[in-house]
C-alpha cells in the first residue's frame, strides 16, 4: 500500500515529544499502529502553521513523486497534539484533505511512546 503522511511541523521542529519522521516511517514499514499492512511512504509533508498550505503542498508532493497514495495518514503527533493546534483540528484537516484529494484520511500513525 502507498501512503502519504502529514506531520505537525511545530512538533517535529520543536521536539515536543516527536523527534520527526522515524516513528511514522517505522510503523508504516512494519504495518503497525494505524497501518493495516506494511506500507510504502510515498510522500511525507509537514503541516506548517497556520496550515493553509498543507493541501497544496501535498498536491505538489504527489505531482513531483508521480505516485498517488492509496491513503493519507495524519501523524500521531498532529492528531494527539497537547496543546492542540490553534488553527484547525485533525478532523477538520482530514475533511479538507479528503475533499481536495479524494483520498481517505486516517487519523494517526503509531502508538509508540
PDB file of N, CA and C in Angstrom:
ATOM      1  N   UNK A   1       0.844  -1.168   0.000  1.00  0.00           N
ATOM      2  CA  UNK A   1       0.000   0.000   0.000  1.00  0.00           C
ATOM      3  C   UNK A   1       0.892   1.235   0.000  1.00  0.00           C
ATOM      4  N   UNK A   2       0.498   2.245  -0.771  1.00  0.00           N
ATOM      5  CA  UNK A   2       1.222   3.506  -0.828  1.00  0.00           C
ATOM      6  C   UNK A   2       0.499   4.517   0.059  1.00  0.00           C
ATOM      7  N   UNK A   3       1.259   5.218   0.903  1.00  0.00           N
ATOM      8  CA  UNK A   3       0.659   6.171   1.828  1.00  0.00           C
ATOM      9  C   UNK A   3       1.401   7.494   1.815  1.00  0.00           C
ATOM     10  N   UNK A   4       0.649   8.548   2.108  1.00  0.00           N
ATOM     11  CA  UNK A   4       1.228   9.865   2.381  1.00  0.00           C
ATOM     12  C   UNK A   4       1.040  10.112   3.871  1.00  0.00           C
ATOM     13  N   UNK A   5       2.005  10.766   4.489  1.00  0.00           N
ATOM     14  CA  UNK A   5       1.919  11.110   5.906  1.00  0.00           C
ATOM     15  C   UNK A   5       2.015  12.624   6.034  1.00  0.00           C
ATOM     16  N   UNK A   6       1.110  13.200   6.817  1.00  0.00           N
ATOM     17  CA  UNK A   6       1.136  14.624   7.132  1.00  0.00           C
ATOM     18  C   UNK A   6       1.529  14.741   8.599  1.00  0.00           C
ATOM     19  N   UNK A   7       2.654  15.388   8.875  1.00  0.00           N
ATOM     20  CA  UNK A   7       3.132  15.558  10.243  1.00  0.00           C
ATOM     21  C   UNK A   7       2.984  16.991  10.713  1.00  0.00           C
ATOM     22  N   UNK A   8       2.931  17.185  12.010  1.00  0.00           N
ATOM     23  CA  UNK A   8       2.876  18.519  12.605  1.00  0.00           C
ATOM     24  C   UNK A   8       4.283  19.110  12.620  1.00  0.00           C
ATOM     25  N   UNK A   9       4.503  20.128  11.803  1.00  0.00           N
ATOM     26  CA  UNK A   9       5.816  20.751  11.717  1.00  0.00           C
ATOM     27  C   UNK A   9       6.279  21.342  13.035  1.00  0.00           C
ATOM     28  N   UNK A  10       5.357  21.941  13.804  1.00  0.00           N
ATOM     29  CA  UNK A  10       5.731  22.539  15.085  1.00  0.00           C
ATOM     30  C   UNK A  10       6.245  21.475  16.046  1.00  0.00           C
ATOM     31  N   UNK A  11       5.589  20.324  16.099  1.00  0.00           N
ATOM     32  CA  UNK A  11       6.046  19.249  16.975  1.00  0.00           C
ATOM     33  C   UNK A  11       7.386  18.697  16.499  1.00  0.00           C
ATOM     34  N   UNK A  12       7.491  18.431  15.222  1.00  0.00           N
ATOM     35  CA  UNK A  12       8.718  17.825  14.709  1.00  0.00           C
ATOM     36  C   UNK A  12       9.909  18.770  14.848  1.00  0.00           C
ATOM     37  N   UNK A  13       9.707  20.060  14.568  1.00  0.00           N
ATOM     38  CA  UNK A  13      10.812  21.009  14.618  1.00  0.00           C
ATOM     39  C   UNK A  13      11.193  21.412  16.034  1.00  0.00           C
ATOM     40  N   UNK A  14      10.240  21.364  16.954  1.00  0.00           N
ATOM     41  CA  UNK A  14      10.486  21.844  18.308  1.00  0.00           C
ATOM     42  C   UNK A  14      10.779  20.738  19.305  1.00  0.00           C
ATOM     43  N   UNK A  15      10.630  19.486  18.902  1.00  0.00           N
ATOM     44  CA  UNK A  15      10.951  18.374  19.788  1.00  0.00           C
ATOM     45  C   UNK A  15       9.943  18.124  20.874  1.00  0.00           C
ATOM     46  N   UNK A  16       8.685  18.498  20.690  1.00  0.00           N
ATOM     47  CA  UNK A  16       7.654  18.284  21.697  1.00  0.00           C
ATOM     48  C   UNK A  16       7.232  16.821  21.745  1.00  0.00           C
ATOM     49  N   UNK A  17       8.141  15.954  22.053  1.00  0.00           N
ATOM     50  CA  UNK A  17       7.817  14.544  22.172  1.00  0.00           C
ATOM     51  C   UNK A  17       7.825  13.808  20.849  1.00  0.00           C
ATOM     52  N   UNK A  18       8.083  14.499  19.743  1.00  0.00           N
ATOM     53  CA  UNK A  18       8.137  13.857  18.428  1.00  0.00           C
ATOM     54  C   UNK A  18       9.450  14.233  17.765  1.00  0.00           C
ATOM     55  N   UNK A  19      10.354  13.282  17.631  1.00  0.00           N
ATOM     56  CA  UNK A  19      11.639  13.597  17.026  1.00  0.00           C
ATOM     57  C   UNK A  19      11.580  13.723  15.512  1.00  0.00           C
ATOM     58  N   UNK A  20      10.428  13.515  14.929  1.00  0.00           N
ATOM     59  CA  UNK A  20      10.310  13.628  13.477  1.00  0.00           C
ATOM     60  C   UNK A  20       9.783  12.357  12.863  1.00  0.00           C
ATOM     61  N   UNK A  21      10.248  12.081  11.669  1.00  0.00           N
ATOM     62  CA  UNK A  21       9.644  11.068  10.836  1.00  0.00           C
ATOM     63  C   UNK A  21       9.862   9.629  11.273  1.00  0.00           C
ATOM     64  N   UNK A  22      10.867   9.311  12.030  1.00  0.00           N
ATOM     65  CA  UNK A  22      11.240   7.903  12.227  1.00  0.00           C
ATOM     66  C   UNK A  22      10.125   7.049  12.790  1.00  0.00           C
ATOM     67  N   UNK A  23       9.329   7.548  13.719  1.00  0.00           N
ATOM     68  CA  UNK A  23       8.257   6.730  14.296  1.00  0.00           C
ATOM     69  C   UNK A  23       7.189   6.413  13.249  1.00  0.00           C
ATOM     70  N   UNK A  24       6.804   7.409  12.477  1.00  0.00           N
ATOM     71  CA  UNK A  24       5.798   7.191  11.424  1.00  0.00           C
ATOM     72  C   UNK A  24       6.335   6.228  10.375  1.00  0.00           C
ATOM     73  N   UNK A  25       7.591   6.404   9.992  1.00  0.00           N
ATOM     74  CA  UNK A  25       8.181   5.544   8.970  1.00  0.00           C
ATOM     75  C   UNK A  25       8.315   4.109   9.461  1.00  0.00           C
ATOM     76  N   UNK A  26       8.685   3.932  10.722  1.00  0.00           N
ATOM     77  CA  UNK A  26       8.800   2.586  11.293  1.00  0.00           C
ATOM     78  C   UNK A  26       7.440   1.897  11.294  1.00  0.00           C
ATOM     79  N   UNK A  27       6.415   2.585  11.778  1.00  0.00           N
ATOM     80  CA  UNK A  27       5.075   1.989  11.830  1.00  0.00           C
ATOM     81  C   UNK A  27       4.591   1.621  10.435  1.00  0.00           C
ATOM     82  N   UNK A  28       4.840   2.490   9.457  1.00  0.00           N
ATOM     83  CA  UNK A  28       4.428   2.194   8.079  1.00  0.00           C
ATOM     84  C   UNK A  28       5.164   0.969   7.555  1.00  0.00           C
ATOM     85  N   UNK A  29       6.461   0.922   7.741  1.00  0.00           N
ATOM     86  CA  UNK A  29       7.261  -0.186   7.213  1.00  0.00           C
ATOM     87  C   UNK A  29       6.859  -1.526   7.818  1.00  0.00           C
ATOM     88  N   UNK A  30       6.500  -1.515   9.109  1.00  0.00           N
ATOM     89  CA  UNK A  30       6.164  -2.757   9.799  1.00  0.00           C
ATOM     90  C   UNK A  30       4.664  -3.063   9.789  1.00  0.00           C
ATOM     91  N   UNK A  31       3.851  -2.123   9.329  1.00  0.00           N
ATOM     92  CA  UNK A  31       2.402  -2.330   9.347  1.00  0.00           C
ATOM     93  C   UNK A  31       1.842  -2.287  10.757  1.00  0.00           C
ATOM     94  N   UNK A  32       2.423  -1.451  11.599  1.00  0.00           N
ATOM     95  CA  UNK A  32       1.985  -1.332  12.994  1.00  0.00           C
ATOM     96  C   UNK A  32       1.148  -0.082  13.187  1.00  0.00           C
ATOM     97  N   UNK A  33       0.617   0.084  14.387  1.00  0.00           N
ATOM     98  CA  UNK A  33      -0.170   1.268  14.708  1.00  0.00           C
ATOM     99  C   UNK A  33      -1.394   1.367  13.828  1.00  0.00           C
ATOM    100  N   UNK A  34      -1.560   2.485  13.166  1.00  0.00           N
ATOM    101  CA  UNK A  34      -2.730   2.731  12.319  1.00  0.00           C
ATOM    102  C   UNK A  34      -2.585   2.187  10.904  1.00  0.00           C
ATOM    103  N   UNK A  35      -1.469   1.553  10.610  1.00  0.00           N
ATOM    104  CA  UNK A  35      -1.254   0.979   9.284  1.00  0.00           C
ATOM    105  C   UNK A  35      -1.756  -0.467   9.279  1.00  0.00           C
ATOM    106  N   UNK A  36      -2.633  -0.794   8.361  1.00  0.00           N
ATOM    107  CA  UNK A  36      -3.238  -2.122   8.317  1.00  0.00           C
ATOM    108  C   UNK A  36      -2.305  -3.173   7.728  1.00  0.00           C
ATOM    109  N   UNK A  37      -1.229  -2.723   7.101  1.00  0.00           N
ATOM    110  CA  UNK A  37      -0.256  -3.626   6.476  1.00  0.00           C
ATOM    111  C   UNK A  37       1.037  -2.849   6.261  1.00  0.00           C
ATOM    112  N   UNK A  38       2.158  -3.534   6.057  1.00  0.00           N
ATOM    113  CA  UNK A  38       3.384  -2.807   5.725  1.00  0.00           C
ATOM    114  C   UNK A  38       3.126  -1.917   4.504  1.00  0.00           C
ATOM    115  N   UNK A  39       3.563  -0.672   4.602  1.00  0.00           N
ATOM    116  CA  UNK A  39       3.227   0.320   3.590  1.00  0.00           C
ATOM    117  C   UNK A  39       4.453   1.111   3.156  1.00  0.00           C
ATOM    118  N   UNK A  40       4.391   1.600   1.933  1.00  0.00           N
ATOM    119  CA  UNK A  40       5.447   2.443   1.376  1.00  0.00           C
ATOM    120  C   UNK A  40       5.012   3.899   1.521  1.00  0.00           C
ATOM    121  N   UNK A  41       5.809   4.703   2.220  1.00  0.00           N
ATOM    122  CA  UNK A  41       5.509   6.126   2.344  1.00  0.00           C
ATOM    123  C   UNK A  41       6.030   6.810   1.082  1.00  0.00           C
ATOM    124  N   UNK A  42       5.105   7.346   0.297  1.00  0.00           N
ATOM    125  CA  UNK A  42       5.480   7.978  -0.962  1.00  0.00           C
ATOM    126  C   UNK A  42       5.595   9.490  -0.843  1.00  0.00           C
ATOM    127  N   UNK A  43       4.961  10.062   0.184  1.00  0.00           N
ATOM    128  CA  UNK A  43       5.066  11.490   0.472  1.00  0.00           C
ATOM    129  C   UNK A  43       5.050  11.674   1.985  1.00  0.00           C
ATOM    130  N   UNK A  44       5.899  12.580   2.470  1.00  0.00           N
ATOM    131  CA  UNK A  44       5.875  12.966   3.882  1.00  0.00           C
ATOM    132  C   UNK A  44       5.899  14.484   3.895  1.00  0.00           C
ATOM    133  N   UNK A  45       4.820  15.082   4.367  1.00  0.00           N
ATOM    134  CA  UNK A  45       4.657  16.534   4.310  1.00  0.00           C
ATOM    135  C   UNK A  45       4.472  17.071   5.722  1.00  0.00           C
ATOM    136  N   UNK A  46       5.159  18.163   6.043  1.00  0.00           N
ATOM    137  CA  UNK A  46       4.962  18.833   7.315  1.00  0.00           C
ATOM    138  C   UNK A  46       3.851  19.860   7.165  1.00  0.00           C
ATOM    139  N   UNK A  47       2.915  19.858   8.100  1.00  0.00           N
ATOM    140  CA  UNK A  47       1.913  20.909   8.174  1.00  0.00           C
ATOM    141  C   UNK A  47       2.571  22.077   8.904  1.00  0.00           C
ATOM    142  N   UNK A  48       2.699  23.191   8.230  1.00  0.00           N
ATOM    143  CA  UNK A  48       3.333  24.369   8.826  1.00  0.00           C
ATOM    144  C   UNK A  48       2.256  25.372   9.217  1.00  0.00           C
ATOM    145  N   UNK A  49       2.376  25.947  10.406  1.00  0.00           N
ATOM    146  CA  UNK A  49       1.395  26.913  10.901  1.00  0.00           C
ATOM    147  C   UNK A  49       1.245  28.076   9.920  1.00  0.00           C
ATOM    148  N   UNK A  50       0.022  28.505   9.637  1.00  0.00           N
ATOM    149  CA  UNK A  50      -1.260  28.103  10.192  1.00  0.00           C
ATOM    150  C   UNK A  50      -1.947  26.967   9.439  1.00  0.00           C
ATOM    151  N   UNK A  51      -1.266  26.267   8.574  1.00  0.00           N
ATOM    152  CA  UNK A  51      -1.834  25.090   7.930  1.00  0.00           C
ATOM    153  C   UNK A  51      -2.501  25.328   6.587  1.00  0.00           C
ATOM    154  N   UNK A  52      -2.520  26.559   6.138  1.00  0.00           N
ATOM    155  CA  UNK A  52      -3.192  26.868   4.868  1.00  0.00           C
ATOM    156  C   UNK A  52      -2.568  26.171   3.674  1.00  0.00           C
ATOM    157  N   UNK A  53      -1.293  25.884   3.739  1.00  0.00           N
ATOM    158  CA  UNK A  53      -0.585  25.353   2.574  1.00  0.00           C
ATOM    159  C   UNK A  53      -0.493  23.834   2.547  1.00  0.00           C
ATOM    160  N   UNK A  54      -1.017  23.140   3.548  1.00  0.00           N
ATOM    161  CA  UNK A  54      -0.802  21.693   3.610  1.00  0.00           C
ATOM    162  C   UNK A  54      -1.442  20.955   2.440  1.00  0.00           C
ATOM    163  N   UNK A  55      -2.653  21.314   2.044  1.00  0.00           N
ATOM    164  CA  UNK A  55      -3.293  20.630   0.906  1.00  0.00           C
ATOM    165  C   UNK A  55      -2.533  20.902  -0.392  1.00  0.00           C
ATOM    166  N   UNK A  56      -2.190  22.172  -0.713  1.00  0.00           N
ATOM    167  CA  UNK A  56      -1.411  22.394  -1.929  1.00  0.00           C
ATOM    168  C   UNK A  56      -0.016  21.766  -1.868  1.00  0.00           C
ATOM    169  N   UNK A  57       0.593  21.743  -0.688  1.00  0.00           N
ATOM    170  CA  UNK A  57       1.913  21.123  -0.549  1.00  0.00           C
ATOM    171  C   UNK A  57       1.829  19.626  -0.791  1.00  0.00           C
ATOM    172  N   UNK A  58       0.791  18.988  -0.251  1.00  0.00           N
ATOM    173  CA  UNK A  58       0.597  17.564  -0.507  1.00  0.00           C
ATOM    174  C   UNK A  58       0.359  17.324  -2.000  1.00  0.00           C
ATOM    175  N   UNK A  59      -0.444  18.175  -2.619  1.00  0.00           N
ATOM    176  CA  UNK A  59      -0.688  18.053  -4.051  1.00  0.00           C
ATOM    177  C   UNK A  59       0.601  18.146  -4.852  1.00  0.00           C
ATOM    178  N   UNK A  60       1.471  19.075  -4.481  1.00  0.00           N
ATOM    179  CA  UNK A  60       2.757  19.220  -5.169  1.00  0.00           C
ATOM    180  C   UNK A  60       3.644  18.006  -4.914  1.00  0.00           C
ATOM    181  N   UNK A  61       3.637  17.487  -3.697  1.00  0.00           N
ATOM    182  CA  UNK A  61       4.437  16.297  -3.384  1.00  0.00           C
ATOM    183  C   UNK A  61       3.977  15.109  -4.223  1.00  0.00           C
ATOM    184  N   UNK A  62       2.657  14.945  -4.373  1.00  0.00           N
ATOM    185  CA  UNK A  62       2.138  13.846  -5.191  1.00  0.00           C
ATOM    186  C   UNK A  62       2.516  14.048  -6.659  1.00  0.00           C
ATOM    187  N   UNK A  63       2.466  15.293  -7.114  1.00  0.00           N
ATOM    188  CA  UNK A  63       2.823  15.578  -8.503  1.00  0.00           C
ATOM    189  C   UNK A  63       4.307  15.292  -8.748  1.00  0.00           C
ATOM    190  N   UNK A  64       5.158  15.752  -7.845  1.00  0.00           N
ATOM    191  CA  UNK A  64       6.605  15.568  -8.022  1.00  0.00           C
ATOM    192  C   UNK A  64       7.020  14.108  -7.878  1.00  0.00           C
ATOM    193  N   UNK A  65       6.380  13.374  -6.970  1.00  0.00           N
ATOM    194  CA  UNK A  65       6.730  11.965  -6.791  1.00  0.00           C
ATOM    195  C   UNK A  65       6.143  11.104  -7.898  1.00  0.00           C
ATOM    196  N   UNK A  66       5.113  11.642  -8.567  1.00  0.00           N
ATOM    197  CA  UNK A  66       4.401  10.919  -9.617  1.00  0.00           C
ATOM    198  C   UNK A  66       3.754   9.636  -9.100  1.00  0.00           C
ATOM    199  N   UNK A  67       3.441   9.633  -7.779  1.00  0.00           N
ATOM    200  CA  UNK A  67       2.798   8.482  -7.152  1.00  0.00           C
ATOM    201  C   UNK A  67       1.619   8.986  -6.333  1.00  0.00           C
ATOM    202  N   UNK A  68       0.438   8.477  -6.647  1.00  0.00           N
ATOM    203  CA  UNK A  68      -0.744   8.837  -5.872  1.00  0.00           C
ATOM    204  C   UNK A  68      -0.891   7.823  -4.743  1.00  0.00           C
ATOM    205  N   UNK A  69      -0.944   8.300  -3.497  1.00  0.00           N
ATOM    206  CA  UNK A  69      -1.103   7.362  -2.389  1.00  0.00           C
ATOM    207  C   UNK A  69      -2.491   6.746  -2.345  1.00  0.00           C
ATOM    208  N   UNK A  70      -2.572   5.569  -1.772  1.00  0.00           N
ATOM    209  CA  UNK A  70      -3.859   4.901  -1.566  1.00  0.00           C
ATOM    210  C   UNK A  70      -4.611   5.514  -0.392  1.00  0.00           C
ATOM    211  N   UNK A  71      -3.849   6.044   0.558  1.00  0.00           N
ATOM    212  CA  UNK A  71      -4.431   6.605   1.777  1.00  0.00           C
ATOM    213  C   UNK A  71      -3.479   7.671   2.316  1.00  0.00           C
ATOM    214  N   UNK A  72      -4.041   8.617   3.065  1.00  0.00           N
ATOM    215  CA  UNK A  72      -3.262   9.660   3.737  1.00  0.00           C
ATOM    216  C   UNK A  72      -3.388   9.424   5.238  1.00  0.00           C
ATOM    217  N   UNK A  73      -2.271   9.482   5.950  1.00  0.00           N
ATOM    218  CA  UNK A  73      -2.287   9.385   7.409  1.00  0.00           C
ATOM    219  C   UNK A  73      -1.898  10.729   8.009  1.00  0.00           C
ATOM    220  N   UNK A  74      -2.691  11.208   8.949  1.00  0.00           N
ATOM    221  CA  UNK A  74      -2.264  12.340   9.770  1.00  0.00           C
ATOM    222  C   UNK A  74      -1.424  11.741  10.890  1.00  0.00           C
ATOM    223  N   UNK A  75      -0.234  12.276  11.097  1.00  0.00           N
ATOM    224  CA  UNK A  75       0.676  11.687  12.084  1.00  0.00           C
ATOM    225  C   UNK A  75       0.075  11.727  13.482  1.00  0.00           C
ATOM    226  N   UNK A  76       0.556  10.828  14.319  1.00  0.00           N
ATOM    227  CA  UNK A  76       0.082  10.780  15.702  1.00  0.00           C
ATOM    228  C   UNK A  76       0.380  12.081  16.428  1.00  0.00           C
ATOM    229  N   UNK A  77       1.527  12.730  16.127  1.00  0.00           N
ATOM    230  CA  UNK A  77       1.838  13.993  16.807  1.00  0.00           C
ATOM    231  C   UNK A  77       0.865  15.089  16.387  1.00  0.00           C
ATOM    232  N   UNK A  78       0.364  15.044  15.171  1.00  0.00           N
ATOM    233  CA  UNK A  78      -0.607  16.032  14.723  1.00  0.00           C
ATOM    234  C   UNK A  78      -1.979  15.756  15.348  1.00  0.00           C
ATOM    235  N   UNK A  79      -2.382  14.504  15.343  1.00  0.00           N
ATOM    236  CA  UNK A  79      -3.706  14.129  15.852  1.00  0.00           C
ATOM    237  C   UNK A  79      -3.798  14.286  17.363  1.00  0.00           C
ATOM    238  N   UNK A  80      -2.731  13.939  18.081  1.00  0.00           N
ATOM    239  CA  UNK A  80      -2.764  13.906  19.541  1.00  0.00           C
ATOM    240  C   UNK A  80      -2.042  15.072  20.198  1.00  0.00           C
ATOM    241  N   UNK A  81      -1.773  16.141  19.465  1.00  0.00           N
ATOM    242  CA  UNK A  81      -1.012  17.276  19.992  1.00  0.00           C
ATOM    243  C   UNK A  81      -1.672  17.858  21.245  1.00  0.00           C
ATOM    244  N   UNK A  82      -0.851  18.083  22.272  1.00  0.00           N
ATOM    245  CA  UNK A  82      -1.286  18.740  23.504  1.00  0.00           C
ATOM    246  C   UNK A  82      -0.284  19.834  23.829  1.00  0.00           C
ATOM    247  N   UNK A  83      -0.627  21.099  23.795  1.00  0.00           N
ATOM    248  CA  UNK A  83      -1.936  21.609  23.428  1.00  0.00           C
ATOM    249  C   UNK A  83      -2.206  21.386  21.946  1.00  0.00           C
ATOM    250  N   UNK A  84      -3.462  21.358  21.601  1.00  0.00           N
ATOM    251  CA  UNK A  84      -3.859  21.137  20.216  1.00  0.00           C
ATOM    252  C   UNK A  84      -3.543  22.322  19.324  1.00  0.00           C
ATOM    253  N   UNK A  85      -3.658  22.105  18.051  1.00  0.00           N
ATOM    254  CA  UNK A  85      -3.417  23.144  17.060  1.00  0.00           C
ATOM    255  C   UNK A  85      -4.422  24.284  17.244  1.00  0.00           C
ATOM    256  N   UNK A  86      -3.948  25.529  17.299  1.00  0.00           N
ATOM    257  CA  UNK A  86      -4.872  26.647  17.457  1.00  0.00           C
ATOM    258  C   UNK A  86      -5.588  27.025  16.154  1.00  0.00           C
ATOM    259  N   UNK A  87      -5.184  26.423  15.040  1.00  0.00           N
ATOM    260  CA  UNK A  87      -5.733  26.802  13.735  1.00  0.00           C
ATOM    261  C   UNK A  87      -6.783  25.843  13.203  1.00  0.00           C
ATOM    262  N   UNK A  88      -6.611  24.557  13.448  1.00  0.00           N
ATOM    263  CA  UNK A  88      -7.566  23.561  12.960  1.00  0.00           C
ATOM    264  C   UNK A  88      -7.423  22.288  13.788  1.00  0.00           C
ATOM    265  N   UNK A  89      -8.460  21.477  13.802  1.00  0.00           N
ATOM    266  CA  UNK A  89      -8.316  20.192  14.479  1.00  0.00           C
ATOM    267  C   UNK A  89      -8.132  19.103  13.432  1.00  0.00           C
ATOM    268  N   UNK A  90      -7.743  17.933  13.880  1.00  0.00           N
ATOM    269  CA  UNK A  90      -7.409  16.837  12.973  1.00  0.00           C
ATOM    270  C   UNK A  90      -8.616  16.416  12.135  1.00  0.00           C
ATOM    271  N   UNK A  91      -9.796  16.413  12.728  1.00  0.00           N
ATOM    272  CA  UNK A  91     -10.997  16.014  11.984  1.00  0.00           C
ATOM    273  C   UNK A  91     -11.260  16.982  10.832  1.00  0.00           C
ATOM    274  N   UNK A  92     -11.150  18.263  11.111  1.00  0.00           N
ATOM    275  CA  UNK A  92     -11.369  19.271  10.071  1.00  0.00           C
ATOM    276  C   UNK A  92     -10.301  19.173   8.979  1.00  0.00           C
ATOM    277  N   UNK A  93      -9.055  18.982   9.377  1.00  0.00           N
ATOM    278  CA  UNK A  93      -7.972  18.844   8.401  1.00  0.00           C
ATOM    279  C   UNK A  93      -8.193  17.612   7.533  1.00  0.00           C
ATOM    280  N   UNK A  94      -8.616  16.506   8.139  1.00  0.00           N
ATOM    281  CA  UNK A  94      -8.897  15.283   7.386  1.00  0.00           C
ATOM    282  C   UNK A  94      -9.989  15.526   6.352  1.00  0.00           C
ATOM    283  N   UNK A  95     -11.036  16.247   6.750  1.00  0.00           N
ATOM    284  CA  UNK A  95     -12.126  16.544   5.823  1.00  0.00           C
ATOM    285  C   UNK A  95     -11.648  17.398   4.655  1.00  0.00           C
ATOM    286  N   UNK A  96     -10.826  18.390   4.934  1.00  0.00           N
ATOM    287  CA  UNK A  96     -10.286  19.257   3.878  1.00  0.00           C
ATOM    288  C   UNK A  96      -9.438  18.444   2.907  1.00  0.00           C
ATOM    289  N   UNK A  97      -8.555  17.603   3.448  1.00  0.00           N
ATOM    290  CA  UNK A  97      -7.670  16.812   2.587  1.00  0.00           C
ATOM    291  C   UNK A  97      -8.453  15.811   1.740  1.00  0.00           C
ATOM    292  N   UNK A  98      -9.461  15.180   2.320  1.00  0.00           N
ATOM    293  CA  UNK A  98     -10.291  14.251   1.552  1.00  0.00           C
ATOM    294  C   UNK A  98     -11.033  14.984   0.449  1.00  0.00           C
ATOM    295  N   UNK A  99     -11.569  16.150   0.780  1.00  0.00           N
ATOM    296  CA  UNK A  99     -12.299  16.943  -0.208  1.00  0.00           C
ATOM    297  C   UNK A  99     -11.377  17.365  -1.356  1.00  0.00           C
ATOM    298  N   UNK A 100     -10.160  17.777  -1.037  1.00  0.00           N
ATOM    299  CA  UNK A 100      -9.225  18.271  -2.063  1.00  0.00           C
ATOM    300  C   UNK A 100      -8.620  17.151  -2.898  1.00  0.00           C
ATOM    301  N   UNK A 101      -8.393  15.987  -2.282  1.00  0.00           N
ATOM    302  CA  UNK A 101      -7.665  14.918  -2.983  1.00  0.00           C
ATOM    303  C   UNK A 101      -8.536  13.736  -3.399  1.00  0.00           C
ATOM    304  N   UNK A 102      -9.665  13.548  -2.723  1.00  0.00           N
ATOM    305  CA  UNK A 102     -10.488  12.372  -2.961  1.00  0.00           C
ATOM    306  C   UNK A 102      -9.906  11.111  -2.338  1.00  0.00           C
ATOM    307  N   UNK A 103      -8.915  11.259  -1.462  1.00  0.00           N
ATOM    308  CA  UNK A 103      -8.229  10.129  -0.838  1.00  0.00           C
ATOM    309  C   UNK A 103      -8.651  10.035   0.628  1.00  0.00           C
ATOM    310  N   UNK A 104      -8.883   8.808   1.099  1.00  0.00           N
ATOM    311  CA  UNK A 104      -9.232   8.579   2.506  1.00  0.00           C
ATOM    312  C   UNK A 104      -8.111   9.061   3.416  1.00  0.00           C
ATOM    313  N   UNK A 105      -8.497   9.693   4.522  1.00  0.00           N
ATOM    314  CA  UNK A 105      -7.532  10.169   5.518  1.00  0.00           C
ATOM    315  C   UNK A 105      -7.752   9.404   6.815  1.00  0.00           C
ATOM    316  N   UNK A 106      -6.670   8.840   7.348  1.00  0.00           N
ATOM    317  CA  UNK A 106      -6.694   8.101   8.612  1.00  0.00           C
ATOM    318  C   UNK A 106      -5.991   8.948   9.665  1.00  0.00           C
ATOM    319  N   UNK A 107      -6.596   9.043  10.837  1.00  0.00           N
ATOM    320  CA  UNK A 107      -6.013   9.846  11.903  1.00  0.00           C
ATOM    321  C   UNK A 107      -5.097   9.005  12.758  1.00  0.00           C
ATOM    322  N   UNK A 108      -3.824   9.306  12.701  1.00  0.00           N
ATOM    323  CA  UNK A 108      -2.810   8.621  13.488  1.00  0.00           C
ATOM    324  C   UNK A 108      -1.919   7.750  12.646  1.00  0.00           C
ATOM    325  N   UNK A 109      -0.739   7.469  13.202  1.00  0.00           N
ATOM    326  CA  UNK A 109       0.235   6.632  12.520  1.00  0.00           C
ATOM    327  C   UNK A 109       0.766   5.518  13.411  1.00  0.00           C
ATOM    328  N   UNK A 110       1.045   5.830  14.668  1.00  0.00           N
ATOM    329  CA  UNK A 110       1.688   4.846  15.552  1.00  0.00           C
ATOM    330  C   UNK A 110       1.234   5.037  16.988  1.00  0.00           C
ATOM    331  N   UNK A 111       1.546   4.013  17.803  1.00  0.00           N
ATOM    332  CA  UNK A 111       1.235   4.059  19.232  1.00  0.00           C
ATOM    333  C   UNK A 111       2.501   4.021  20.080  1.00  0.00           C
ATOM    334  N   UNK A 112       3.647   4.296  19.475  1.00  0.00           N
ATOM    335  CA  UNK A 112       4.914   4.252  20.212  1.00  0.00           C
ATOM    336  C   UNK A 112       4.966   5.380  21.235  1.00  0.00           C
ATOM    337  N   UNK A 113       5.659   5.124  22.328  1.00  0.00           N
ATOM    338  CA  UNK A 113       5.818   6.152  23.379  1.00  0.00           C
ATOM    339  C   UNK A 113       7.229   6.621  23.451  1.00  0.00           C
TER     340      UNK A 113
END
